Amino acid sequence: MTEALMRTVVRSQLAVRRAFTARADGERGDVPGWVLVTLMTAGLVTVLWALASNRLQALFNNALNSVTGP
């Protein structure tokens, strides 16, 4: 590789690193928000499942029974 080509490659690598680092720095601290969303979703699913499990089972069984084969 020529020296000019090496400089171009190094500059490109540095530009990619800077862009990735800037993007990663802007998204730090968002993890607790995603953890909260995940926990709240799991809680809602648990509550709905506990309240409506019999109805959901009946709905599922009716759906399977209504499917006809070839």
N, C-alpha and C. Protein backbone atom coordinates (compact mmCIF):
# COMPACT_ATOMS: atom_id res chain seq x y z
N MET A 1 0.84 -1.18 0.00
CA MET A 1 0.00 0.00 0.00
C MET A 1 0.88 1.24 0.00
N THR A 2 0.43 2.21 -0.73
CA THR A 2 1.20 3.45 -0.75
C THR A 2 0.92 4.23 0.53
N GLU A 3 1.77 5.17 0.81
CA GLU A 3 1.63 5.97 2.03
C GLU A 3 0.36 6.83 1.99
N ALA A 4 0.02 7.36 0.85
CA ALA A 4 -1.19 8.18 0.72
C ALA A 4 -2.44 7.33 0.96
N LEU A 5 -2.43 6.12 0.44
CA LEU A 5 -3.56 5.23 0.64
C LEU A 5 -3.69 4.85 2.12
N MET A 6 -2.57 4.61 2.78
CA MET A 6 -2.57 4.29 4.21
C MET A 6 -3.15 5.44 5.01
N ARG A 7 -2.76 6.67 4.69
CA ARG A 7 -3.31 7.83 5.40
C ARG A 7 -4.81 7.94 5.20
N THR A 8 -5.27 7.68 4.00
CA THR A 8 -6.70 7.73 3.71
C THR A 8 -7.46 6.67 4.52
N VAL A 9 -6.90 5.47 4.59
CA VAL A 9 -7.54 4.39 5.35
C VAL A 9 -7.59 4.75 6.83
N VAL A 10 -6.49 5.27 7.36
CA VAL A 10 -6.44 5.65 8.77
C VAL A 10 -7.44 6.77 9.06
N ARG A 11 -7.52 7.76 8.18
CA ARG A 11 -8.49 8.84 8.38
C ARG A 11 -9.92 8.31 8.35
N SER A 12 -10.20 7.38 7.46
CA SER A 12 -11.53 6.79 7.38
C SER A 12 -11.86 6.03 8.65
N GLN A 13 -10.90 5.27 9.16
CA GLN A 13 -11.11 4.52 10.39
C GLN A 13 -11.37 5.47 11.56
N LEU A 14 -10.63 6.55 11.63
CA LEU A 14 -10.82 7.52 12.71
C LEU A 14 -12.19 8.18 12.61
N ALA A 15 -12.63 8.48 11.39
CA ALA A 15 -13.95 9.10 11.21
C ALA A 15 -15.06 8.15 11.66
N VAL A 16 -14.92 6.88 11.34
CA VAL A 16 -15.92 5.89 11.76
C VAL A 16 -15.92 5.77 13.28
N ARG A 17 -14.74 5.72 13.88
CA ARG A 17 -14.66 5.63 15.35
C ARG A 17 -15.30 6.84 16.02
N ARG A 18 -15.02 8.04 15.48
CA ARG A 18 -15.61 9.25 16.06
C ARG A 18 -17.13 9.23 15.95
N ALA A 19 -17.63 8.82 14.80
CA ALA A 19 -19.08 8.77 14.60
C ALA A 19 -19.72 7.76 15.54
N PHE A 20 -19.10 6.59 15.69
CA PHE A 20 -19.64 5.57 16.58
C PHE A 20 -19.60 6.02 18.03
N THR A 21 -18.50 6.64 18.44
CA THR A 21 -18.36 7.10 19.82
C THR A 21 -19.37 8.20 20.11
N ALA A 22 -19.57 9.12 19.20
CA ALA A 22 -20.53 10.20 19.41
C ALA A 22 -21.94 9.63 19.54
N ARG A 23 -22.25 8.66 18.74
CA ARG A 23 -23.58 8.05 18.81
C ARG A 23 -23.75 7.27 20.11
N ALA A 24 -22.74 6.53 20.52
CA ALA A 24 -22.83 5.74 21.74
C ALA A 24 -22.93 6.65 22.97
N ASP A 25 -22.21 7.77 22.96
CA ASP A 25 -22.27 8.69 24.10
C ASP A 25 -23.65 9.31 24.23
N GLY A 26 -24.32 9.57 23.12
CA GLY A 26 -25.63 10.17 23.16
C GLY A 26 -26.71 9.24 23.70
N GLU A 27 -26.45 7.94 23.69
CA GLU A 27 -27.46 6.98 24.11
C GLU A 27 -27.18 6.41 25.50
N ARG A 28 -26.19 6.89 26.18
CA ARG A 28 -25.91 6.39 27.52
C ARG A 28 -26.97 6.86 28.49
N GLY A 29 -27.26 6.05 29.49
CA GLY A 29 -28.23 6.43 30.49
C GLY A 29 -29.65 6.05 30.12
N ASP A 30 -29.84 5.47 28.94
CA ASP A 30 -31.17 5.08 28.51
C ASP A 30 -31.52 3.67 28.98
N VAL A 31 -30.54 2.94 29.48
CA VAL A 31 -30.78 1.57 29.92
C VAL A 31 -31.82 1.50 31.02
N PRO A 32 -31.79 2.34 32.05
CA PRO A 32 -32.84 2.25 33.08
C PRO A 32 -34.24 2.44 32.51
N GLY A 33 -34.39 3.27 31.50
CA GLY A 33 -35.69 3.44 30.88
C GLY A 33 -36.17 2.17 30.22
N TRP A 34 -35.26 1.48 29.51
CA TRP A 34 -35.65 0.23 28.86
C TRP A 34 -35.93 -0.86 29.90
N VAL A 35 -35.18 -0.85 30.98
CA VAL A 35 -35.44 -1.83 32.04
C VAL A 35 -36.83 -1.59 32.63
N LEU A 36 -37.17 -0.34 32.86
CA LEU A 36 -38.48 0.00 33.41
C LEU A 36 -39.59 -0.41 32.45
N VAL A 37 -39.43 -0.14 31.17
CA VAL A 37 -40.43 -0.52 30.18
C VAL A 37 -40.60 -2.03 30.15
N THR A 38 -39.49 -2.76 30.20
CA THR A 38 -39.56 -4.23 30.19
C THR A 38 -40.26 -4.76 31.42
N LEU A 39 -39.92 -4.24 32.58
CA LEU A 39 -40.56 -4.70 33.82
C LEU A 39 -42.05 -4.36 33.84
N MET A 40 -42.41 -3.18 33.38
CA MET A 40 -43.82 -2.80 33.35
C MET A 40 -44.61 -3.68 32.37
N THR A 41 -44.01 -3.98 31.24
CA THR A 41 -44.67 -4.86 30.27
C THR A 41 -44.87 -6.25 30.85
N ALA A 42 -43.84 -6.78 31.51
CA ALA A 42 -43.97 -8.09 32.14
C ALA A 42 -45.05 -8.07 33.22
N GLY A 43 -45.12 -7.00 33.98
CA GLY A 43 -46.15 -6.87 35.02
C GLY A 43 -47.55 -6.83 34.42
N LEU A 44 -47.73 -6.07 33.35
CA LEU A 44 -49.03 -6.00 32.69
C LEU A 44 -49.45 -7.35 32.12
N VAL A 45 -48.53 -8.04 31.52
CA VAL A 45 -48.83 -9.36 30.97
C VAL A 45 -49.23 -10.32 32.09
N THR A 46 -48.52 -10.27 33.21
CA THR A 46 -48.84 -11.13 34.34
C THR A 46 -50.23 -10.84 34.89
N VAL A 47 -50.55 -9.57 35.04
CA VAL A 47 -51.87 -9.19 35.58
C VAL A 47 -52.98 -9.61 34.60
N LEU A 48 -52.80 -9.34 33.32
CA LEU A 48 -53.81 -9.74 32.34
C LEU A 48 -53.97 -11.25 32.28
N TRP A 49 -52.87 -11.97 32.36
CA TRP A 49 -52.92 -13.42 32.34
C TRP A 49 -53.66 -13.95 33.56
N ALA A 50 -53.40 -13.37 34.72
CA ALA A 50 -54.06 -13.82 35.94
C ALA A 50 -55.56 -13.53 35.90
N LEU A 51 -55.93 -12.39 35.35
CA LEU A 51 -57.35 -12.03 35.32
C LEU A 51 -58.14 -12.74 34.23
N ALA A 52 -57.50 -13.01 33.11
CA ALA A 52 -58.24 -13.51 31.95
C ALA A 52 -57.75 -14.85 31.44
N SER A 53 -57.10 -15.64 32.26
CA SER A 53 -56.51 -16.89 31.77
C SER A 53 -57.56 -17.86 31.26
N ASN A 54 -58.68 -17.99 31.96
CA ASN A 54 -59.73 -18.92 31.50
C ASN A 54 -60.30 -18.47 30.15
N ARG A 55 -60.57 -17.18 30.02
CA ARG A 55 -61.12 -16.66 28.77
C ARG A 55 -60.11 -16.79 27.63
N LEU A 56 -58.83 -16.55 27.93
CA LEU A 56 -57.80 -16.68 26.89
C LEU A 56 -57.66 -18.13 26.45
N GLN A 57 -57.75 -19.08 27.38
CA GLN A 57 -57.69 -20.49 27.01
C GLN A 57 -58.88 -20.88 26.14
N ALA A 58 -60.07 -20.41 26.50
CA ALA A 58 -61.25 -20.70 25.69
C ALA A 58 -61.12 -20.09 24.29
N LEU A 59 -60.64 -18.87 24.22
CA LEU A 59 -60.44 -18.21 22.94
C LEU A 59 -59.46 -18.98 22.07
N PHE A 60 -58.37 -19.42 22.66
CA PHE A 60 -57.34 -20.18 21.95
C PHE A 60 -57.90 -21.52 21.47
N ASN A 61 -58.62 -22.22 22.36
CA ASN A 61 -59.18 -23.52 21.98
C ASN A 61 -60.21 -23.36 20.87
N ASN A 62 -61.04 -22.32 20.94
CA ASN A 62 -62.01 -22.07 19.88
C ASN A 62 -61.32 -21.78 18.55
N ALA A 63 -60.25 -21.04 18.61
CA ALA A 63 -59.50 -20.73 17.38
C ALA A 63 -58.92 -21.99 16.78
N LEU A 64 -58.35 -22.87 17.61
CA LEU A 64 -57.79 -24.12 17.09
C LEU A 64 -58.86 -25.04 16.56
N ASN A 65 -60.00 -25.09 17.24
CA ASN A 65 -61.09 -25.96 16.81
C ASN A 65 -61.71 -25.49 15.50
N SER A 66 -61.64 -24.20 15.23
CA SER A 66 -62.25 -23.68 14.00
C SER A 66 -61.37 -23.86 12.78
N VAL A 67 -60.10 -24.24 12.97
CA VAL A 67 -59.20 -24.43 11.85
C VAL A 67 -59.51 -25.79 11.22
N THR A 68 -59.70 -25.81 9.92
CA THR A 68 -59.96 -27.06 9.21
C THR A 68 -58.74 -27.44 8.40
N GLY A 69 -58.50 -28.70 8.34
CA GLY A 69 -57.35 -29.21 7.61
C GLY A 69 -57.62 -29.37 6.14
N PRO A 70 -56.63 -29.79 5.38
CA PRO A 70 -56.78 -29.97 3.93
C PRO A 70 -57.69 -31.12 3.56
